[in-house]
Amino acid sequence: MIRLAIAGLLSVTCGLMAVLAWEVGMFSAAEPAIESRPGVPAAANSVAAADHSSEWVATILARPPLSPDRRPPSEVQATAGSATPEGLPRLSGVLVGPFGRSAIFAAEGHKPVVVPEGGRIGGWTVRSIEGGTVEVTGPGGARTLHPSFQSSPAAPIEAPPAARRVGLSQPR
C-alpha cells in the first residue's frame, strides 16, 4: 500500500515538473526582432530630449527639503508682499470639517487664536471661512485672506560633522 502511494506521488511530481518546464519554456521563446520601415532613418524616430538634470539638481540643492521657506521664488515674493490688514494678526491656518469652520490667527510673540465663523478678532469680524480663504470685515472694509507661513530667515547651512568611526575596536 505504501509503495503504491509513493509511486503515485512520484508520478504526480514528475508530471507537475514536466508541465512547469513546458510553461517556462513556452514563455521564454525569443520575440521576433522589430525592423524599422525602409526609407525612414532611425534618427528620425527618436527625439533627442535636452538634458536638464544638472539644472534640476542645482534647483533642488538650493532649496533644502526641510527649510521653512521652501517655495519657488515667485510664491515667496507674493506671500511676503501680501500685507495683513491693520490690527489683524497673520492668518496661519483654516480648519474646515464636520465640527465647523474656524480660522487660526497668529501674532508675533503671542499664542495663536482660533476664531469661528461670525467671531471677532480685534476690530475685525470673520464673515465666512472656506478651504484656504477667510473673508473678514472691519475698519478697512471687506478683505479676503489666505493662510501664510511665518517668514523667517533661512537657517545658515552648516558643514556636516567629520566622519567618525563607529565601533568597539580602535582603528589600526
N, C-alpha and C. Protein backbone atom coordinates (compact mmCIF):
# COMPACT_ATOMS: atom_id res chain seq x y z
N MET A 1 0.81 -1.19 0.00
CA MET A 1 0.00 0.00 0.00
C MET A 1 0.86 1.26 0.00
N ILE A 2 1.91 1.29 0.86
CA ILE A 2 2.78 2.45 0.94
C ILE A 2 3.57 2.62 -0.35
N ARG A 3 4.00 1.48 -0.93
CA ARG A 3 4.74 1.54 -2.20
C ARG A 3 3.87 2.11 -3.30
N LEU A 4 2.61 1.78 -3.30
CA LEU A 4 1.68 2.30 -4.31
C LEU A 4 1.49 3.80 -4.14
N ALA A 5 1.39 4.28 -2.89
CA ALA A 5 1.24 5.72 -2.63
C ALA A 5 2.50 6.47 -3.03
N ILE A 6 3.67 5.94 -2.72
CA ILE A 6 4.93 6.59 -3.09
C ILE A 6 5.06 6.64 -4.60
N ALA A 7 4.70 5.56 -5.28
CA ALA A 7 4.78 5.54 -6.75
C ALA A 7 3.81 6.56 -7.35
N GLY A 8 2.63 6.70 -6.75
CA GLY A 8 1.65 7.69 -7.24
C GLY A 8 2.16 9.12 -7.05
N LEU A 9 2.70 9.40 -5.85
CA LEU A 9 3.25 10.73 -5.59
C LEU A 9 4.42 11.04 -6.51
N LEU A 10 5.26 10.05 -6.78
CA LEU A 10 6.39 10.23 -7.68
C LEU A 10 5.93 10.54 -9.10
N SER A 11 4.92 9.84 -9.56
CA SER A 11 4.42 10.08 -10.92
C SER A 11 3.75 11.45 -11.03
N VAL A 12 3.00 11.88 -9.98
CA VAL A 12 2.37 13.20 -9.99
C VAL A 12 3.43 14.29 -9.97
N THR A 13 4.50 14.09 -9.16
CA THR A 13 5.58 15.07 -9.08
C THR A 13 6.27 15.21 -10.43
N CYS A 14 6.55 14.07 -11.09
CA CYS A 14 7.18 14.13 -12.42
C CYS A 14 6.29 14.84 -13.42
N GLY A 15 5.00 14.60 -13.35
CA GLY A 15 4.07 15.25 -14.27
C GLY A 15 4.02 16.76 -14.05
N LEU A 16 3.98 17.18 -12.77
CA LEU A 16 3.98 18.61 -12.48
C LEU A 16 5.27 19.28 -12.92
N MET A 17 6.41 18.61 -12.75
CA MET A 17 7.68 19.16 -13.19
C MET A 17 7.71 19.30 -14.71
N ALA A 18 7.13 18.34 -15.42
CA ALA A 18 7.09 18.41 -16.88
C ALA A 18 6.22 19.58 -17.34
N VAL A 19 5.08 19.78 -16.68
CA VAL A 19 4.19 20.89 -17.03
C VAL A 19 4.89 22.22 -16.75
N LEU A 20 5.57 22.31 -15.61
CA LEU A 20 6.27 23.53 -15.26
C LEU A 20 7.38 23.83 -16.26
N ALA A 21 8.16 22.84 -16.64
CA ALA A 21 9.23 23.03 -17.63
C ALA A 21 8.64 23.45 -18.97
N TRP A 22 7.53 22.88 -19.37
CA TRP A 22 6.91 23.23 -20.64
C TRP A 22 6.44 24.69 -20.61
N GLU A 23 5.80 25.14 -19.50
CA GLU A 23 5.31 26.51 -19.41
C GLU A 23 6.45 27.52 -19.36
N VAL A 24 7.50 27.22 -18.64
CA VAL A 24 8.65 28.13 -18.60
C VAL A 24 9.29 28.22 -19.98
N GLY A 25 9.42 27.14 -20.64
CA GLY A 25 9.99 27.15 -21.99
C GLY A 25 9.09 27.87 -22.97
N MET A 26 7.80 27.82 -22.76
CA MET A 26 6.85 28.46 -23.67
C MET A 26 6.96 29.98 -23.59
N PHE A 27 7.19 30.53 -22.39
CA PHE A 27 7.23 31.98 -22.25
C PHE A 27 8.61 32.56 -22.52
N SER A 28 9.63 31.75 -22.59
CA SER A 28 10.96 32.28 -22.83
C SER A 28 11.34 32.27 -24.30
N ALA A 29 10.42 31.97 -25.18
CA ALA A 29 10.72 31.98 -26.60
C ALA A 29 11.08 33.39 -27.04
N ALA A 30 12.08 33.50 -27.87
CA ALA A 30 12.55 34.81 -28.31
C ALA A 30 11.51 35.46 -29.21
N GLU A 31 11.28 36.74 -28.97
CA GLU A 31 10.35 37.51 -29.79
C GLU A 31 11.05 37.87 -31.10
N PRO A 32 10.33 37.89 -32.19
CA PRO A 32 10.97 38.30 -33.44
C PRO A 32 11.37 39.77 -33.35
N ALA A 33 12.51 40.10 -33.91
CA ALA A 33 13.02 41.47 -33.87
C ALA A 33 12.13 42.37 -34.72
N ILE A 34 11.83 43.56 -34.22
CA ILE A 34 11.02 44.52 -34.96
C ILE A 34 11.96 45.36 -35.82
N GLU A 35 11.69 45.33 -37.09
CA GLU A 35 12.56 46.06 -38.01
C GLU A 35 11.89 47.39 -38.35
N SER A 36 12.72 48.41 -38.53
CA SER A 36 12.18 49.71 -38.92
C SER A 36 11.80 49.66 -40.39
N ARG A 37 10.86 50.52 -40.73
CA ARG A 37 10.41 50.57 -42.12
C ARG A 37 11.52 51.09 -43.02
N PRO A 38 11.63 50.52 -44.19
CA PRO A 38 12.67 51.02 -45.09
C PRO A 38 12.35 52.46 -45.52
N GLY A 39 13.38 53.25 -45.66
CA GLY A 39 13.21 54.63 -46.11
C GLY A 39 13.11 55.63 -44.97
N VAL A 40 12.88 55.17 -43.74
CA VAL A 40 12.79 56.07 -42.60
C VAL A 40 14.05 55.87 -41.76
N PRO A 41 14.89 56.89 -41.66
CA PRO A 41 16.10 56.73 -40.87
C PRO A 41 15.77 56.55 -39.39
N ALA A 42 16.59 55.80 -38.70
CA ALA A 42 16.35 55.53 -37.28
C ALA A 42 16.45 56.80 -36.45
N ALA A 43 17.26 57.76 -36.83
CA ALA A 43 17.42 59.00 -36.07
C ALA A 43 16.15 59.84 -36.12
N ALA A 44 15.34 59.71 -37.16
CA ALA A 44 14.10 60.48 -37.26
C ALA A 44 13.06 59.96 -36.28
N ASN A 45 13.13 58.67 -35.91
CA ASN A 45 12.15 58.10 -35.00
C ASN A 45 12.38 58.55 -33.56
N SER A 46 13.61 58.79 -33.17
CA SER A 46 13.89 59.15 -31.78
C SER A 46 14.12 60.65 -31.68
N VAL A 47 13.45 61.25 -30.71
CA VAL A 47 13.59 62.68 -30.48
C VAL A 47 14.55 62.85 -29.31
N ALA A 48 15.64 63.55 -29.57
CA ALA A 48 16.64 63.76 -28.52
C ALA A 48 16.14 64.85 -27.58
N ALA A 49 15.93 64.49 -26.32
CA ALA A 49 15.47 65.45 -25.32
C ALA A 49 16.69 66.11 -24.69
N ALA A 50 16.54 67.39 -24.41
CA ALA A 50 17.63 68.12 -23.78
C ALA A 50 17.81 67.62 -22.35
N ASP A 51 19.05 67.51 -21.92
CA ASP A 51 19.34 67.03 -20.58
C ASP A 51 19.35 68.22 -19.61
N HIS A 52 18.31 68.29 -18.78
CA HIS A 52 18.17 69.38 -17.81
C HIS A 52 18.49 68.92 -16.39
N SER A 53 19.04 67.73 -16.24
CA SER A 53 19.22 67.17 -14.90
C SER A 53 20.14 68.02 -14.04
N SER A 54 21.18 68.61 -14.60
CA SER A 54 22.08 69.41 -13.77
C SER A 54 21.38 70.68 -13.27
N GLU A 55 20.50 71.26 -14.09
CA GLU A 55 19.72 72.42 -13.65
C GLU A 55 18.75 72.03 -12.53
N TRP A 56 18.11 70.87 -12.68
CA TRP A 56 17.16 70.41 -11.68
C TRP A 56 17.86 70.13 -10.35
N VAL A 57 19.04 69.51 -10.41
CA VAL A 57 19.79 69.22 -9.20
C VAL A 57 20.18 70.51 -8.50
N ALA A 58 20.62 71.51 -9.27
CA ALA A 58 21.01 72.79 -8.68
C ALA A 58 19.80 73.44 -8.00
N THR A 59 18.62 73.36 -8.61
CA THR A 59 17.42 73.93 -8.01
C THR A 59 17.05 73.20 -6.73
N ILE A 60 17.14 71.89 -6.72
CA ILE A 60 16.80 71.10 -5.54
C ILE A 60 17.77 71.40 -4.41
N LEU A 61 19.04 71.47 -4.71
CA LEU A 61 20.03 71.72 -3.66
C LEU A 61 19.95 73.15 -3.13
N ALA A 62 19.45 74.07 -3.93
CA ALA A 62 19.32 75.46 -3.48
C ALA A 62 18.19 75.61 -2.47
N ARG A 63 17.22 74.68 -2.49
CA ARG A 63 16.08 74.74 -1.57
C ARG A 63 16.03 73.44 -0.77
N PRO A 64 16.70 73.38 0.38
CA PRO A 64 16.70 72.15 1.18
C PRO A 64 15.27 71.74 1.55
N PRO A 65 14.97 70.44 1.59
CA PRO A 65 13.59 69.99 1.79
C PRO A 65 12.99 70.36 3.14
N LEU A 66 13.79 70.54 4.19
CA LEU A 66 13.22 70.85 5.49
C LEU A 66 13.33 72.33 5.83
N SER A 67 13.60 73.15 4.85
CA SER A 67 13.70 74.59 5.07
C SER A 67 12.30 75.18 5.18
N PRO A 68 12.06 76.10 6.14
CA PRO A 68 10.72 76.68 6.29
C PRO A 68 10.31 77.55 5.11
N ASP A 69 11.26 78.01 4.33
CA ASP A 69 10.91 78.87 3.20
C ASP A 69 11.01 78.11 1.87
N ARG A 70 10.75 76.82 1.86
CA ARG A 70 10.86 76.01 0.65
C ARG A 70 9.67 76.27 -0.25
N ARG A 71 9.80 77.25 -1.07
CA ARG A 71 8.80 77.59 -2.07
C ARG A 71 9.53 78.15 -3.28
N PRO A 72 8.94 78.04 -4.44
CA PRO A 72 9.55 78.69 -5.60
C PRO A 72 9.66 80.19 -5.35
N PRO A 73 10.66 80.86 -5.92
CA PRO A 73 10.88 82.28 -5.64
C PRO A 73 9.67 83.17 -5.87
N SER A 74 8.87 82.93 -6.90
CA SER A 74 7.72 83.80 -7.17
C SER A 74 6.67 83.70 -6.07
N GLU A 75 6.47 82.49 -5.50
CA GLU A 75 5.48 82.34 -4.43
C GLU A 75 5.97 83.00 -3.14
N VAL A 76 7.27 82.92 -2.87
CA VAL A 76 7.80 83.54 -1.65
C VAL A 76 7.60 85.04 -1.72
N GLN A 77 7.87 85.65 -2.88
CA GLN A 77 7.70 87.09 -3.02
C GLN A 77 6.24 87.48 -2.93
N ALA A 78 5.35 86.68 -3.51
CA ALA A 78 3.92 87.01 -3.47
C ALA A 78 3.39 86.90 -2.05
N THR A 79 3.84 85.90 -1.30
CA THR A 79 3.38 85.74 0.07
C THR A 79 3.92 86.86 0.94
N ALA A 80 5.19 87.20 0.75
CA ALA A 80 5.79 88.26 1.56
C ALA A 80 5.19 89.62 1.22
N GLY A 81 4.76 89.79 -0.02
CA GLY A 81 4.22 91.08 -0.44
C GLY A 81 2.79 91.31 0.01
N SER A 82 2.05 90.25 0.34
CA SER A 82 0.65 90.45 0.74
C SER A 82 0.61 90.93 2.18
N ALA A 83 0.11 92.11 2.37
CA ALA A 83 0.10 92.71 3.70
C ALA A 83 -1.16 92.30 4.43
N THR A 84 -1.01 92.10 5.74
CA THR A 84 -2.14 91.80 6.59
C THR A 84 -2.81 93.12 6.94
N PRO A 85 -4.15 93.18 6.95
CA PRO A 85 -4.82 94.42 7.30
C PRO A 85 -4.40 94.92 8.68
N GLU A 86 -4.45 96.22 8.86
CA GLU A 86 -4.04 96.85 10.12
C GLU A 86 -4.84 96.30 11.30
N GLY A 87 -4.14 95.90 12.35
CA GLY A 87 -4.79 95.41 13.56
C GLY A 87 -5.23 93.96 13.50
N LEU A 88 -4.90 93.27 12.43
CA LEU A 88 -5.32 91.87 12.28
C LEU A 88 -4.07 90.99 12.25
N PRO A 89 -3.96 89.98 13.11
CA PRO A 89 -2.79 89.10 13.06
C PRO A 89 -2.77 88.29 11.76
N ARG A 90 -1.64 87.68 11.53
CA ARG A 90 -1.45 86.86 10.31
C ARG A 90 -2.36 85.64 10.36
N LEU A 91 -3.05 85.35 9.24
CA LEU A 91 -3.87 84.14 9.13
C LEU A 91 -2.91 82.98 8.88
N SER A 92 -2.84 82.06 9.85
CA SER A 92 -1.87 80.97 9.72
C SER A 92 -2.50 79.64 9.34
N GLY A 93 -3.82 79.52 9.43
CA GLY A 93 -4.44 78.26 9.06
C GLY A 93 -5.95 78.34 9.00
N VAL A 94 -6.55 77.38 8.32
CA VAL A 94 -8.01 77.30 8.19
C VAL A 94 -8.42 75.87 8.53
N LEU A 95 -9.43 75.73 9.39
CA LEU A 95 -9.97 74.42 9.75
C LEU A 95 -11.39 74.32 9.23
N VAL A 96 -11.64 73.35 8.35
CA VAL A 96 -12.98 73.14 7.80
C VAL A 96 -13.29 71.66 7.96
N GLY A 97 -14.40 71.35 8.63
CA GLY A 97 -14.75 69.96 8.83
C GLY A 97 -16.15 69.82 9.38
N PRO A 98 -16.54 68.60 9.74
CA PRO A 98 -17.88 68.38 10.26
C PRO A 98 -18.12 69.08 11.61
N PHE A 99 -17.06 69.45 12.27
CA PHE A 99 -17.17 70.12 13.57
C PHE A 99 -17.41 71.62 13.42
N GLY A 100 -17.25 72.15 12.22
CA GLY A 100 -17.45 73.58 11.97
C GLY A 100 -16.29 74.15 11.18
N ARG A 101 -16.28 75.47 11.10
CA ARG A 101 -15.25 76.17 10.34
C ARG A 101 -14.58 77.18 11.26
N SER A 102 -13.25 77.16 11.27
CA SER A 102 -12.51 78.07 12.13
C SER A 102 -11.28 78.57 11.40
N ALA A 103 -10.83 79.76 11.80
CA ALA A 103 -9.61 80.34 11.26
C ALA A 103 -8.61 80.48 12.40
N ILE A 104 -7.35 80.23 12.10
CA ILE A 104 -6.30 80.34 13.11
C ILE A 104 -5.47 81.57 12.78
N PHE A 105 -5.42 82.52 13.72
CA PHE A 105 -4.64 83.74 13.57
C PHE A 105 -3.47 83.68 14.54
N ALA A 106 -2.29 84.05 14.06
CA ALA A 106 -1.09 84.01 14.90
C ALA A 106 -0.42 85.38 14.86
N ALA A 107 -0.18 85.95 16.03
CA ALA A 107 0.54 87.21 16.15
C ALA A 107 1.93 86.92 16.69
N GLU A 108 2.90 87.70 16.27
CA GLU A 108 4.28 87.53 16.72
C GLU A 108 4.37 87.66 18.23
N GLY A 109 4.89 86.64 18.89
CA GLY A 109 5.08 86.68 20.33
C GLY A 109 3.86 86.30 21.14
N HIS A 110 2.74 85.95 20.52
CA HIS A 110 1.51 85.58 21.23
C HIS A 110 1.07 84.19 20.79
N LYS A 111 0.22 83.57 21.59
CA LYS A 111 -0.33 82.27 21.23
C LYS A 111 -1.32 82.45 20.07
N PRO A 112 -1.45 81.44 19.19
CA PRO A 112 -2.44 81.51 18.11
C PRO A 112 -3.86 81.58 18.68
N VAL A 113 -4.74 82.25 17.94
CA VAL A 113 -6.14 82.41 18.35
C VAL A 113 -7.01 81.73 17.30
N VAL A 114 -7.93 80.86 17.74
CA VAL A 114 -8.85 80.17 16.84
C VAL A 114 -10.18 80.92 16.90
N VAL A 115 -10.66 81.36 15.71
CA VAL A 115 -11.88 82.16 15.63
C VAL A 115 -12.87 81.45 14.71
N PRO A 116 -14.10 81.18 15.18
CA PRO A 116 -15.10 80.53 14.31
C PRO A 116 -15.75 81.56 13.39
N GLU A 117 -16.56 81.07 12.44
CA GLU A 117 -17.32 81.98 11.58
C GLU A 117 -18.22 82.85 12.45
N GLY A 118 -18.24 84.14 12.15
CA GLY A 118 -19.05 85.07 12.92
C GLY A 118 -18.32 85.62 14.13
N GLY A 119 -17.16 85.05 14.45
CA GLY A 119 -16.38 85.51 15.60
C GLY A 119 -15.62 86.79 15.28
N ARG A 120 -15.09 87.41 16.33
CA ARG A 120 -14.35 88.67 16.18
C ARG A 120 -12.93 88.49 16.66
N ILE A 121 -12.03 89.20 15.99
CA ILE A 121 -10.64 89.27 16.42
C ILE A 121 -10.19 90.71 16.19
N GLY A 122 -9.86 91.38 17.27
CA GLY A 122 -9.55 92.81 17.17
C GLY A 122 -10.80 93.55 16.72
N GLY A 123 -10.65 94.42 15.75
CA GLY A 123 -11.81 95.15 15.22
C GLY A 123 -12.40 94.48 13.99
N TRP A 124 -12.05 93.25 13.74
CA TRP A 124 -12.47 92.55 12.52
C TRP A 124 -13.43 91.42 12.87
N THR A 125 -14.39 91.18 11.97
CA THR A 125 -15.35 90.09 12.12
C THR A 125 -15.13 89.09 11.00
N VAL A 126 -15.08 87.82 11.35
CA VAL A 126 -14.91 86.75 10.35
C VAL A 126 -16.28 86.47 9.75
N ARG A 127 -16.44 86.79 8.46
CA ARG A 127 -17.74 86.60 7.80
C ARG A 127 -17.91 85.18 7.29
N SER A 128 -16.92 84.68 6.56
CA SER A 128 -17.04 83.31 6.03
C SER A 128 -15.66 82.67 5.96
N ILE A 129 -15.68 81.35 6.06
CA ILE A 129 -14.45 80.57 6.00
C ILE A 129 -14.64 79.45 4.99
N GLU A 130 -13.77 79.39 4.03
CA GLU A 130 -13.75 78.32 3.03
C GLU A 130 -12.38 77.66 3.10
N GLY A 131 -12.20 76.56 2.42
CA GLY A 131 -10.90 75.89 2.40
C GLY A 131 -9.85 76.78 1.75
N GLY A 132 -8.99 77.38 2.55
CA GLY A 132 -7.91 78.20 2.00
C GLY A 132 -8.18 79.69 1.97
N THR A 133 -9.40 80.14 2.28
CA THR A 133 -9.69 81.57 2.29
C THR A 133 -10.58 81.92 3.48
N VAL A 134 -10.39 83.14 3.97
CA VAL A 134 -11.21 83.66 5.06
C VAL A 134 -11.60 85.08 4.68
N GLU A 135 -12.90 85.38 4.74
CA GLU A 135 -13.37 86.74 4.47
C GLU A 135 -13.63 87.43 5.79
N VAL A 136 -13.05 88.63 5.94
CA VAL A 136 -13.23 89.42 7.16
C VAL A 136 -13.73 90.81 6.79
N THR A 137 -14.46 91.42 7.71
CA THR A 137 -14.88 92.81 7.54
C THR A 137 -14.46 93.58 8.77
N GLY A 138 -14.13 94.82 8.55
CA GLY A 138 -13.70 95.64 9.67
C GLY A 138 -13.51 97.08 9.24
N PRO A 139 -12.65 97.83 9.95
CA PRO A 139 -12.46 99.25 9.67
C PRO A 139 -11.96 99.51 8.25
N GLY A 140 -11.23 98.60 7.67
CA GLY A 140 -10.70 98.80 6.32
C GLY A 140 -11.61 98.25 5.24
N GLY A 141 -12.82 97.82 5.58
CA GLY A 141 -13.72 97.23 4.60
C GLY A 141 -13.61 95.71 4.61
N ALA A 142 -14.11 95.10 3.55
CA ALA A 142 -14.08 93.64 3.44
C ALA A 142 -12.76 93.22 2.81
N ARG A 143 -12.19 92.15 3.33
CA ARG A 143 -10.93 91.61 2.82
C ARG A 143 -11.03 90.10 2.74
N THR A 144 -10.32 89.53 1.78
CA THR A 144 -10.19 88.08 1.66
C THR A 144 -8.75 87.73 2.01
N LEU A 145 -8.58 86.87 2.99
CA LEU A 145 -7.25 86.48 3.45
C LEU A 145 -6.96 85.04 3.05
N HIS A 146 -5.68 84.77 2.83
CA HIS A 146 -5.20 83.41 2.56
C HIS A 146 -4.15 83.08 3.61
N PRO A 147 -4.09 81.83 4.07
CA PRO A 147 -3.08 81.47 5.08
C PRO A 147 -1.68 81.73 4.56
N SER A 148 -0.84 82.25 5.42
CA SER A 148 0.57 82.45 5.06
C SER A 148 1.42 81.91 6.18
N PHE A 149 2.60 81.50 5.82
CA PHE A 149 3.52 80.93 6.80
C PHE A 149 4.44 82.02 7.31
N GLN A 150 4.86 81.87 8.52
CA GLN A 150 5.74 82.86 9.12
C GLN A 150 7.02 82.91 8.32
N SER A 151 7.35 84.09 7.85
CA SER A 151 8.57 84.22 7.07
C SER A 151 9.72 84.49 8.03
N SER A 152 10.62 83.53 8.09
CA SER A 152 11.79 83.68 8.94
C SER A 152 13.01 83.51 8.06
N PRO A 153 14.11 84.13 8.42
CA PRO A 153 15.30 83.98 7.59
C PRO A 153 15.75 82.53 7.56
N ALA A 154 16.30 82.14 6.44
CA ALA A 154 16.76 80.77 6.29
C ALA A 154 17.91 80.50 7.24
N ALA A 155 17.92 79.32 7.80
CA ALA A 155 18.98 78.94 8.72
C ALA A 155 20.28 78.78 7.95
N PRO A 156 21.41 79.19 8.54
CA PRO A 156 22.68 79.03 7.84
C PRO A 156 23.00 77.55 7.65
N ILE A 157 23.59 77.24 6.52
CA ILE A 157 23.93 75.86 6.21
C ILE A 157 25.26 75.56 6.86
N GLU A 158 25.27 74.55 7.71
CA GLU A 158 26.49 74.16 8.40
C GLU A 158 27.11 72.97 7.70
N ALA A 159 28.43 72.90 7.78
CA ALA A 159 29.13 71.76 7.20
C ALA A 159 28.83 70.53 8.05
N PRO A 160 28.70 69.36 7.42
CA PRO A 160 28.43 68.14 8.20
C PRO A 160 29.62 67.82 9.10
N PRO A 161 29.36 67.19 10.24
CA PRO A 161 30.47 66.85 11.13
C PRO A 161 31.42 65.87 10.47
N ALA A 162 32.65 65.89 10.89
CA ALA A 162 33.65 64.98 10.32
C ALA A 162 33.22 63.54 10.56
N ALA A 163 33.54 62.70 9.61
CA ALA A 163 33.16 61.29 9.72
C ALA A 163 33.85 60.66 10.91
N ARG A 164 33.09 59.91 11.68
CA ARG A 164 33.63 59.25 12.85
C ARG A 164 33.54 57.75 12.65
N ARG A 165 34.46 57.06 13.24
CA ARG A 165 34.43 55.61 13.20
C ARG A 165 33.50 55.15 14.32
N VAL A 166 32.54 54.31 14.00
CA VAL A 166 31.62 53.80 14.99
C VAL A 166 31.92 52.32 15.18
N GLY A 167 32.24 51.95 16.39
CA GLY A 167 32.53 50.55 16.66
C GLY A 167 33.24 50.40 17.98
N LEU A 168 33.56 49.18 18.32
CA LEU A 168 34.17 48.90 19.59
C LEU A 168 35.69 48.87 19.53
N SER A 169 36.24 48.55 18.39
CA SER A 169 37.70 48.42 18.30
C SER A 169 38.33 49.73 17.85
N GLN A 170 39.57 49.92 18.22
CA GLN A 170 40.32 51.11 17.83
C GLN A 170 40.79 50.96 16.39
N PRO A 171 40.84 52.06 15.63
CA PRO A 171 41.33 51.95 14.25
C PRO A 171 42.80 51.56 14.25
N ARG A 172 43.22 50.81 13.24
CA ARG A 172 44.61 50.34 13.16
C ARG A 172 45.39 51.16 12.19
